[in-house]
Amino acid sequence: MSYSIAWALFALLLLVIGMRKRAAPARYAGLGLLGITIVKLFFHDLSQLDQLYRIGAFIVVAVIAILASFLYQRFLAAAANSNEAKSAVSTVL
């Protein structure tokens, strides 16, 4: 359970760093690690953990995944707005 939660937190950290530094490889690595964590959670943890730990792992990883999706949507919206502003400036010039 703690490995899944730690991997999900590290994936979120990679995602945030990739957004702040505008580094696509870090963002993609974060998304990939979060995907691997979810697959591990379903296939390994589902069969190995007791019921209470399983529920806890699912809830924590779900909250982290929701937070990551919210942050990524905000990042994409900000990137789209900056691209529109750049194209408007280049059109005027």
PDB file of N, CA and C in Angstrom:
ATOM      1  N   MET A   1       0.826  -1.180   0.000  1.00  0.00           N
ATOM      2  CA  MET A   1       0.000   0.000   0.000  1.00  0.00           C
ATOM      3  C   MET A   1       0.872   1.245   0.000  1.00  0.00           C
ATOM      4  N   SER A   2       1.900   1.258   0.810  1.00  0.00           N
ATOM      5  CA  SER A   2       2.740   2.454   0.901  1.00  0.00           C
ATOM      6  C   SER A   2       3.526   2.676  -0.384  1.00  0.00           C
ATOM      7  N   TYR A   3       3.887   1.599  -1.097  1.00  0.00           N
ATOM      8  CA  TYR A   3       4.570   1.768  -2.376  1.00  0.00           C
ATOM      9  C   TYR A   3       3.655   2.444  -3.391  1.00  0.00           C
ATOM     10  N   SER A   4       2.429   2.022  -3.447  1.00  0.00           N
ATOM     11  CA  SER A   4       1.485   2.621  -4.394  1.00  0.00           C
ATOM     12  C   SER A   4       1.258   4.090  -4.083  1.00  0.00           C
ATOM     13  N   ILE A   5       1.107   4.416  -2.830  1.00  0.00           N
ATOM     14  CA  ILE A   5       0.894   5.810  -2.442  1.00  0.00           C
ATOM     15  C   ILE A   5       2.145   6.629  -2.724  1.00  0.00           C
ATOM     16  N   ALA A   6       3.326   6.087  -2.414  1.00  0.00           N
ATOM     17  CA  ALA A   6       4.583   6.808  -2.659  1.00  0.00           C
ATOM     18  C   ALA A   6       4.794   7.021  -4.158  1.00  0.00           C
ATOM     19  N   TRP A   7       4.512   6.003  -4.958  1.00  0.00           N
ATOM     20  CA  TRP A   7       4.655   6.158  -6.412  1.00  0.00           C
ATOM     21  C   TRP A   7       3.700   7.219  -6.933  1.00  0.00           C
ATOM     22  N   ALA A   8       2.475   7.240  -6.433  1.00  0.00           N
ATOM     23  CA  ALA A   8       1.496   8.225  -6.889  1.00  0.00           C
ATOM     24  C   ALA A   8       1.916   9.634  -6.486  1.00  0.00           C
ATOM     25  N   LEU A   9       2.447   9.796  -5.286  1.00  0.00           N
ATOM     26  CA  LEU A   9       2.923  11.112  -4.858  1.00  0.00           C
ATOM     27  C   LEU A   9       4.123  11.560  -5.684  1.00  0.00           C
ATOM     28  N   PHE A  10       5.036  10.626  -5.983  1.00  0.00           N
ATOM     29  CA  PHE A  10       6.182  10.966  -6.815  1.00  0.00           C
ATOM     30  C   PHE A  10       5.735  11.337  -8.225  1.00  0.00           C
ATOM     31  N   ALA A  11       4.744  10.640  -8.748  1.00  0.00           N
ATOM     32  CA  ALA A  11       4.206  10.965 -10.068  1.00  0.00           C
ATOM     33  C   ALA A  11       3.589  12.362 -10.069  1.00  0.00           C
ATOM     34  N   LEU A  12       2.875  12.701  -9.006  1.00  0.00           N
ATOM     35  CA  LEU A  12       2.300  14.038  -8.891  1.00  0.00           C
ATOM     36  C   LEU A  12       3.399  15.090  -8.820  1.00  0.00           C
ATOM     37  N   LEU A  13       4.459  14.794  -8.084  1.00  0.00           N
ATOM     38  CA  LEU A  13       5.594  15.719  -7.987  1.00  0.00           C
ATOM     39  C   LEU A  13       6.242  15.915  -9.353  1.00  0.00           C
ATOM     40  N   LEU A  14       6.450  14.839 -10.103  1.00  0.00           N
ATOM     41  CA  LEU A  14       7.008  14.954 -11.454  1.00  0.00           C
ATOM     42  C   LEU A  14       6.108  15.798 -12.344  1.00  0.00           C
ATOM     43  N   LEU A  15       4.830  15.609 -12.214  1.00  0.00           N
ATOM     44  CA  LEU A  15       3.872  16.364 -13.012  1.00  0.00           C
ATOM     45  C   LEU A  15       3.940  17.853 -12.690  1.00  0.00           C
ATOM     46  N   VAL A  16       4.001  18.180 -11.421  1.00  0.00           N
ATOM     47  CA  VAL A  16       4.071  19.584 -11.000  1.00  0.00           C
ATOM     48  C   VAL A  16       5.387  20.210 -11.460  1.00  0.00           C
ATOM     49  N   ILE A  17       6.496  19.496 -11.304  1.00  0.00           N
ATOM     50  CA  ILE A  17       7.788  20.020 -11.755  1.00  0.00           C
ATOM     51  C   ILE A  17       7.780  20.229 -13.258  1.00  0.00           C
ATOM     52  N   GLY A  18       7.228  19.274 -13.988  1.00  0.00           N
ATOM     53  CA  GLY A  18       7.142  19.415 -15.433  1.00  0.00           C
ATOM     54  C   GLY A  18       6.295  20.594 -15.862  1.00  0.00           C
ATOM     55  N   MET A  19       5.254  20.900 -15.105  1.00  0.00           N
ATOM     56  CA  MET A  19       4.413  22.048 -15.428  1.00  0.00           C
ATOM     57  C   MET A  19       5.125  23.352 -15.132  1.00  0.00           C
ATOM     58  N   ARG A  20       5.783  23.414 -13.996  1.00  0.00           N
ATOM     59  CA  ARG A  20       6.463  24.659 -13.610  1.00  0.00           C
ATOM     60  C   ARG A  20       7.628  24.984 -14.525  1.00  0.00           C
ATOM     61  N   LYS A  21       8.387  23.977 -14.908  1.00  0.00           N
ATOM     62  CA  LYS A  21       9.553  24.197 -15.766  1.00  0.00           C
ATOM     63  C   LYS A  21       9.228  24.045 -17.236  1.00  0.00           C
ATOM     64  N   ARG A  22       7.954  23.748 -17.533  1.00  0.00           N
ATOM     65  CA  ARG A  22       7.486  23.524 -18.895  1.00  0.00           C
ATOM     66  C   ARG A  22       8.354  22.476 -19.602  1.00  0.00           C
ATOM     67  N   ALA A  23       8.584  21.385 -18.895  1.00  0.00           N
ATOM     68  CA  ALA A  23       9.374  20.271 -19.408  1.00  0.00           C
ATOM     69  C   ALA A  23       8.435  19.106 -19.722  1.00  0.00           C
ATOM     70  N   ALA A  24       8.224  18.871 -20.999  1.00  0.00           N
ATOM     71  CA  ALA A  24       7.297  17.816 -21.422  1.00  0.00           C
ATOM     72  C   ALA A  24       7.740  16.423 -20.968  1.00  0.00           C
ATOM     73  N   PRO A  25       9.048  16.076 -21.013  1.00  0.00           N
ATOM     74  CA  PRO A  25       9.429  14.727 -20.569  1.00  0.00           C
ATOM     75  C   PRO A  25       9.090  14.449 -19.101  1.00  0.00           C
ATOM     76  N   ALA A  26       9.223  15.453 -18.250  1.00  0.00           N
ATOM     77  CA  ALA A  26       8.877  15.267 -16.835  1.00  0.00           C
ATOM     78  C   ALA A  26       7.375  15.069 -16.669  1.00  0.00           C
ATOM     79  N   ARG A  27       6.588  15.816 -17.433  1.00  0.00           N
ATOM     80  CA  ARG A  27       5.131  15.647 -17.364  1.00  0.00           C
ATOM     81  C   ARG A  27       4.721  14.274 -17.849  1.00  0.00           C
ATOM     82  N   TYR A  28       5.295  13.845 -18.954  1.00  0.00           N
ATOM     83  CA  TYR A  28       4.950  12.527 -19.488  1.00  0.00           C
ATOM     84  C   TYR A  28       5.412  11.409 -18.566  1.00  0.00           C
ATOM     85  N   ALA A  29       6.565  11.596 -17.936  1.00  0.00           N
ATOM     86  CA  ALA A  29       7.040  10.591 -16.977  1.00  0.00           C
ATOM     87  C   ALA A  29       6.097  10.518 -15.782  1.00  0.00           C
ATOM     88  N   GLY A  30       5.617  11.661 -15.318  1.00  0.00           N
ATOM     89  CA  GLY A  30       4.660  11.679 -14.217  1.00  0.00           C
ATOM     90  C   GLY A  30       3.355  11.001 -14.574  1.00  0.00           C
ATOM     91  N   LEU A  31       2.850  11.279 -15.776  1.00  0.00           N
ATOM     92  CA  LEU A  31       1.610  10.630 -16.216  1.00  0.00           C
ATOM     93  C   LEU A  31       1.804   9.125 -16.385  1.00  0.00           C
ATOM     94  N   GLY A  32       2.949   8.746 -16.932  1.00  0.00           N
ATOM     95  CA  GLY A  32       3.229   7.323 -17.113  1.00  0.00           C
ATOM     96  C   GLY A  32       3.347   6.596 -15.789  1.00  0.00           C
ATOM     97  N   LEU A  33       4.063   7.217 -14.839  1.00  0.00           N
ATOM     98  CA  LEU A  33       4.209   6.597 -13.522  1.00  0.00           C
ATOM     99  C   LEU A  33       2.869   6.509 -12.801  1.00  0.00           C
ATOM    100  N   LEU A  34       2.036   7.502 -12.952  1.00  0.00           N
ATOM    101  CA  LEU A  34       0.706   7.443 -12.337  1.00  0.00           C
ATOM    102  C   LEU A  34      -0.125   6.329 -12.962  1.00  0.00           C
ATOM    103  N   GLY A  35      -0.004   6.155 -14.268  1.00  0.00           N
ATOM    104  CA  GLY A  35      -0.703   5.056 -14.932  1.00  0.00           C
ATOM    105  C   GLY A  35      -0.205   3.696 -14.466  1.00  0.00           C
ATOM    106  N   ILE A  36       1.107   3.553 -14.349  1.00  0.00           N
ATOM    107  CA  ILE A  36       1.685   2.297 -13.855  1.00  0.00           C
ATOM    108  C   ILE A  36       1.243   2.029 -12.425  1.00  0.00           C
ATOM    109  N   THR A  37       1.168   3.078 -11.633  1.00  0.00           N
ATOM    110  CA  THR A  37       0.726   2.934 -10.244  1.00  0.00           C
ATOM    111  C   THR A  37      -0.718   2.440 -10.183  1.00  0.00           C
ATOM    112  N   ILE A  38      -1.562   2.977 -11.037  1.00  0.00           N
ATOM    113  CA  ILE A  38      -2.963   2.546 -11.038  1.00  0.00           C
ATOM    114  C   ILE A  38      -3.081   1.091 -11.495  1.00  0.00           C
ATOM    115  N   VAL A  39      -2.281   0.714 -12.504  1.00  0.00           N
ATOM    116  CA  VAL A  39      -2.289  -0.686 -12.948  1.00  0.00           C
ATOM    117  C   VAL A  39      -1.803  -1.597 -11.826  1.00  0.00           C
ATOM    118  N   LYS A  40      -0.727  -1.195 -11.121  1.00  0.00           N
ATOM    119  CA  LYS A  40      -0.221  -1.982  -9.995  1.00  0.00           C
ATOM    120  C   LYS A  40      -1.274  -2.089  -8.900  1.00  0.00           C
ATOM    121  N   LEU A  41      -1.968  -0.994  -8.668  1.00  0.00           N
ATOM    122  CA  LEU A  41      -2.997  -0.989  -7.637  1.00  0.00           C
ATOM    123  C   LEU A  41      -4.100  -1.993  -7.963  1.00  0.00           C
ATOM    124  N   PHE A  42      -4.510  -2.039  -9.214  1.00  0.00           N
ATOM    125  CA  PHE A  42      -5.585  -2.956  -9.584  1.00  0.00           C
ATOM    126  C   PHE A  42      -5.133  -4.406  -9.609  1.00  0.00           C
ATOM    127  N   PHE A  43      -3.969  -4.675 -10.166  1.00  0.00           N
ATOM    128  CA  PHE A  43      -3.580  -6.069 -10.358  1.00  0.00           C
ATOM    129  C   PHE A  43      -2.843  -6.674  -9.171  1.00  0.00           C
ATOM    130  N   HIS A  44      -1.986  -5.923  -8.528  1.00  0.00           N
ATOM    131  CA  HIS A  44      -1.193  -6.495  -7.437  1.00  0.00           C
ATOM    132  C   HIS A  44      -1.838  -6.250  -6.076  1.00  0.00           C
ATOM    133  N   ASP A  45      -2.128  -4.997  -5.787  1.00  0.00           N
ATOM    134  CA  ASP A  45      -2.643  -4.659  -4.461  1.00  0.00           C
ATOM    135  C   ASP A  45      -4.030  -5.229  -4.222  1.00  0.00           C
ATOM    136  N   LEU A  46      -4.816  -5.333  -5.265  1.00  0.00           N
ATOM    137  CA  LEU A  46      -6.164  -5.868  -5.114  1.00  0.00           C
ATOM    138  C   LEU A  46      -6.148  -7.311  -4.620  1.00  0.00           C
ATOM    139  N   SER A  47      -5.130  -8.062  -5.028  1.00  0.00           N
ATOM    140  CA  SER A  47      -5.065  -9.460  -4.615  1.00  0.00           C
ATOM    141  C   SER A  47      -4.240  -9.668  -3.344  1.00  0.00           C
ATOM    142  N   GLN A  48      -3.402  -8.724  -2.983  1.00  0.00           N
ATOM    143  CA  GLN A  48      -2.472  -8.934  -1.875  1.00  0.00           C
ATOM    144  C   GLN A  48      -2.879  -8.258  -0.563  1.00  0.00           C
ATOM    145  N   LEU A  49      -3.583  -7.163  -0.621  1.00  0.00           N
ATOM    146  CA  LEU A  49      -3.871  -6.391   0.589  1.00  0.00           C
ATOM    147  C   LEU A  49      -5.150  -6.856   1.271  1.00  0.00           C
ATOM    148  N   ASP A  50      -5.191  -6.618   2.579  1.00  0.00           N
ATOM    149  CA  ASP A  50      -6.426  -6.840   3.324  1.00  0.00           C
ATOM    150  C   ASP A  50      -7.442  -5.769   2.923  1.00  0.00           C
ATOM    151  N   GLN A  51      -8.687  -5.985   3.319  1.00  0.00           N
ATOM    152  CA  GLN A  51      -9.763  -5.127   2.854  1.00  0.00           C
ATOM    153  C   GLN A  51      -9.578  -3.666   3.261  1.00  0.00           C
ATOM    154  N   LEU A  52      -9.226  -3.386   4.501  1.00  0.00           N
ATOM    155  CA  LEU A  52      -9.089  -2.009   4.960  1.00  0.00           C
ATOM    156  C   LEU A  52      -7.935  -1.302   4.264  1.00  0.00           C
ATOM    157  N   TYR A  53      -6.793  -1.971   4.097  1.00  0.00           N
ATOM    158  CA  TYR A  53      -5.653  -1.379   3.410  1.00  0.00           C
ATOM    159  C   TYR A  53      -5.959  -1.156   1.935  1.00  0.00           C
ATOM    160  N   ARG A  54      -6.691  -2.070   1.345  1.00  0.00           N
ATOM    161  CA  ARG A  54      -7.081  -1.944  -0.057  1.00  0.00           C
ATOM    162  C   ARG A  54      -7.936  -0.698  -0.249  1.00  0.00           C
ATOM    163  N   ILE A  55      -8.892  -0.506   0.631  1.00  0.00           N
ATOM    164  CA  ILE A  55      -9.763   0.669   0.544  1.00  0.00           C
ATOM    165  C   ILE A  55      -8.955   1.942   0.718  1.00  0.00           C
ATOM    166  N   GLY A  56      -8.060   1.938   1.691  1.00  0.00           N
ATOM    167  CA  GLY A  56      -7.211   3.115   1.927  1.00  0.00           C
ATOM    168  C   GLY A  56      -6.339   3.441   0.730  1.00  0.00           C
ATOM    169  N   ALA A  57      -5.728   2.429   0.129  1.00  0.00           N
ATOM    170  CA  ALA A  57      -4.867   2.657  -1.029  1.00  0.00           C
ATOM    171  C   ALA A  57      -5.678   3.194  -2.199  1.00  0.00           C
ATOM    172  N   PHE A  58      -6.860   2.635  -2.439  1.00  0.00           N
ATOM    173  CA  PHE A  58      -7.696   3.108  -3.529  1.00  0.00           C
ATOM    174  C   PHE A  58      -8.115   4.560  -3.318  1.00  0.00           C
ATOM    175  N   ILE A  59      -8.485   4.908  -2.103  1.00  0.00           N
ATOM    176  CA  ILE A  59      -8.929   6.278  -1.833  1.00  0.00           C
ATOM    177  C   ILE A  59      -7.790   7.267  -2.009  1.00  0.00           C
ATOM    178  N   VAL A  60      -6.626   6.971  -1.445  1.00  0.00           N
ATOM    179  CA  VAL A  60      -5.497   7.903  -1.527  1.00  0.00           C
ATOM    180  C   VAL A  60      -5.029   8.064  -2.971  1.00  0.00           C
ATOM    181  N   VAL A  61      -4.886   6.972  -3.694  1.00  0.00           N
ATOM    182  CA  VAL A  61      -4.436   7.067  -5.090  1.00  0.00           C
ATOM    183  C   VAL A  61      -5.499   7.760  -5.942  1.00  0.00           C
ATOM    184  N   ALA A  62      -6.760   7.547  -5.671  1.00  0.00           N
ATOM    185  CA  ALA A  62      -7.826   8.235  -6.409  1.00  0.00           C
ATOM    186  C   ALA A  62      -7.780   9.738  -6.173  1.00  0.00           C
ATOM    187  N   VAL A  63      -7.565  10.157  -4.936  1.00  0.00           N
ATOM    188  CA  VAL A  63      -7.468  11.588  -4.631  1.00  0.00           C
ATOM    189  C   VAL A  63      -6.265  12.200  -5.348  1.00  0.00           C
ATOM    190  N   ILE A  64      -5.135  11.498  -5.356  1.00  0.00           N
ATOM    191  CA  ILE A  64      -3.947  11.995  -6.048  1.00  0.00           C
ATOM    192  C   ILE A  64      -4.198  12.074  -7.548  1.00  0.00           C
ATOM    193  N   ALA A  65      -4.866  11.083  -8.121  1.00  0.00           N
ATOM    194  CA  ALA A  65      -5.170  11.102  -9.553  1.00  0.00           C
ATOM    195  C   ALA A  65      -6.132  12.244  -9.905  1.00  0.00           C
ATOM    196  N   ILE A  66      -7.104  12.504  -9.062  1.00  0.00           N
ATOM    197  CA  ILE A  66      -8.029  13.616  -9.299  1.00  0.00           C
ATOM    198  C   ILE A  66      -7.289  14.938  -9.214  1.00  0.00           C
ATOM    199  N   LEU A  67      -6.411  15.076  -8.237  1.00  0.00           N
ATOM    200  CA  LEU A  67      -5.617  16.297  -8.112  1.00  0.00           C
ATOM    201  C   LEU A  67      -4.714  16.485  -9.322  1.00  0.00           C
ATOM    202  N   ALA A  68      -4.094  15.413  -9.787  1.00  0.00           N
ATOM    203  CA  ALA A  68      -3.230  15.495 -10.966  1.00  0.00           C
ATOM    204  C   ALA A  68      -4.033  15.901 -12.196  1.00  0.00           C
ATOM    205  N   SER A  69      -5.221  15.346 -12.367  1.00  0.00           N
ATOM    206  CA  SER A  69      -6.034  15.704 -13.534  1.00  0.00           C
ATOM    207  C   SER A  69      -6.492  17.155 -13.464  1.00  0.00           C
ATOM    208  N   PHE A  70      -6.832  17.636 -12.273  1.00  0.00           N
ATOM    209  CA  PHE A  70      -7.226  19.034 -12.107  1.00  0.00           C
ATOM    210  C   PHE A  70      -6.068  19.960 -12.451  1.00  0.00           C
ATOM    211  N   LEU A  71      -4.868  19.651 -11.931  1.00  0.00           N
ATOM    212  CA  LEU A  71      -3.694  20.482 -12.216  1.00  0.00           C
ATOM    213  C   LEU A  71      -3.349  20.458 -13.703  1.00  0.00           C
ATOM    214  N   TYR A  72      -3.441  19.283 -14.316  1.00  0.00           N
ATOM    215  CA  TYR A  72      -3.100  19.175 -15.732  1.00  0.00           C
ATOM    216  C   TYR A  72      -4.083  19.962 -16.590  1.00  0.00           C
ATOM    217  N   GLN A  73      -5.353  19.938 -16.241  1.00  0.00           N
ATOM    218  CA  GLN A  73      -6.351  20.715 -16.985  1.00  0.00           C
ATOM    219  C   GLN A  73      -6.076  22.210 -16.861  1.00  0.00           C
ATOM    220  N   ARG A  74      -5.705  22.654 -15.676  1.00  0.00           N
ATOM    221  CA  ARG A  74      -5.384  24.075 -15.489  1.00  0.00           C
ATOM    222  C   ARG A  74      -4.141  24.436 -16.290  1.00  0.00           C
ATOM    223  N   PHE A  75      -3.156  23.534 -16.320  1.00  0.00           N
ATOM    224  CA  PHE A  75      -1.936  23.780 -17.078  1.00  0.00           C
ATOM    225  C   PHE A  75      -2.244  23.867 -18.572  1.00  0.00           C
ATOM    226  N   LEU A  76      -3.066  22.977 -19.089  1.00  0.00           N
ATOM    227  CA  LEU A  76      -3.412  23.005 -20.508  1.00  0.00           C
ATOM    228  C   LEU A  76      -4.184  24.266 -20.868  1.00  0.00           C
ATOM    229  N   ALA A  77      -5.065  24.709 -19.984  1.00  0.00           N
ATOM    230  CA  ALA A  77      -5.822  25.933 -20.241  1.00  0.00           C
ATOM    231  C   ALA A  77      -4.894  27.140 -20.244  1.00  0.00           C
ATOM    232  N   ALA A  78      -3.935  27.182 -19.322  1.00  0.00           N
ATOM    233  CA  ALA A  78      -2.978  28.289 -19.277  1.00  0.00           C
ATOM    234  C   ALA A  78      -2.083  28.269 -20.511  1.00  0.00           C
ATOM    235  N   ALA A  79      -1.670  27.085 -20.943  1.00  0.00           N
ATOM    236  CA  ALA A  79      -0.829  26.979 -22.141  1.00  0.00           C
ATOM    237  C   ALA A  79      -1.595  27.415 -23.379  1.00  0.00           C
ATOM    238  N   ALA A  80      -2.862  27.062 -23.459  1.00  0.00           N
ATOM    239  CA  ALA A  80      -3.683  27.464 -24.607  1.00  0.00           C
ATOM    240  C   ALA A  80      -3.861  28.977 -24.632  1.00  0.00           C
ATOM    241  N   ASN A  81      -4.064  29.581 -23.467  1.00  0.00           N
ATOM    242  CA  ASN A  81      -4.226  31.035 -23.401  1.00  0.00           C
ATOM    243  C   ASN A  81      -2.943  31.745 -23.803  1.00  0.00           C
ATOM    244  N   SER A  82      -1.797  31.237 -23.378  1.00  0.00           N
ATOM    245  CA  SER A  82      -0.537  31.880 -23.740  1.00  0.00           C
ATOM    246  C   SER A  82      -0.252  31.706 -25.226  1.00  0.00           C
ATOM    247  N   ASN A  83      -0.625  30.555 -25.806  1.00  0.00           N
ATOM    248  CA  ASN A  83      -0.450  30.363 -27.246  1.00  0.00           C
ATOM    249  C   ASN A  83      -1.349  31.299 -28.042  1.00  0.00           C
ATOM    250  N   GLU A  84      -2.577  31.519 -27.576  1.00  0.00           N
ATOM    251  CA  GLU A  84      -3.480  32.440 -28.243  1.00  0.00           C
ATOM    252  C   GLU A  84      -2.949  33.864 -28.171  1.00  0.00           C
ATOM    253  N   ALA A  85      -2.390  34.233 -27.011  1.00  0.00           N
ATOM    254  CA  ALA A  85      -1.839  35.578 -26.861  1.00  0.00           C
ATOM    255  C   ALA A  85      -0.629  35.767 -27.763  1.00  0.00           C
ATOM    256  N   LYS A  86       0.209  34.754 -27.890  1.00  0.00           N
ATOM    257  CA  LYS A  86       1.383  34.846 -28.764  1.00  0.00           C
ATOM    258  C   LYS A  86       0.958  34.961 -30.219  1.00  0.00           C
ATOM    259  N   SER A  87      -0.049  34.190 -30.621  1.00  0.00           N
ATOM    260  CA  SER A  87      -0.492  34.260 -32.011  1.00  0.00           C
ATOM    261  C   SER A  87      -1.156  35.593 -32.301  1.00  0.00           C
ATOM    262  N   ALA A  88      -1.854  36.155 -31.319  1.00  0.00           N
ATOM    263  CA  ALA A  88      -2.473  37.468 -31.518  1.00  0.00           C
ATOM    264  C   ALA A  88      -1.413  38.550 -31.651  1.00  0.00           C
ATOM    265  N   VAL A  89      -0.341  38.458 -30.880  1.00  0.00           N
ATOM    266  CA  VAL A  89       0.737  39.445 -30.951  1.00  0.00           C
ATOM    267  C   VAL A  89       1.458  39.316 -32.294  1.00  0.00           C
ATOM    268  N   SER A  90       1.718  38.103 -32.734  1.00  0.00           N
ATOM    269  CA  SER A  90       2.417  37.923 -34.002  1.00  0.00           C
ATOM    270  C   SER A  90       1.544  38.360 -35.181  1.00  0.00           C
ATOM    271  N   THR A  91       0.236  38.247 -35.061  1.00  0.00           N
ATOM    272  CA  THR A  91      -0.670  38.680 -36.107  1.00  0.00           C
ATOM    273  C   THR A  91      -0.667  40.206 -36.212  1.00  0.00           C
ATOM    274  N   VAL A  92      -0.612  40.865 -35.075  1.00  0.00           N
ATOM    275  CA  VAL A  92      -0.610  42.328 -35.051  1.00  0.00           C
ATOM    276  C   VAL A  92       0.689  42.859 -35.632  1.00  0.00           C
ATOM    277  N   LEU A  93       1.783  42.190 -35.345  1.00  0.00           N
ATOM    278  CA  LEU A  93       3.079  42.663 -35.853  1.00  0.00           C
ATOM    279  C   LEU A  93       3.177  42.323 -37.309  1.00  0.00           C
TER     280      LEU A  93
END
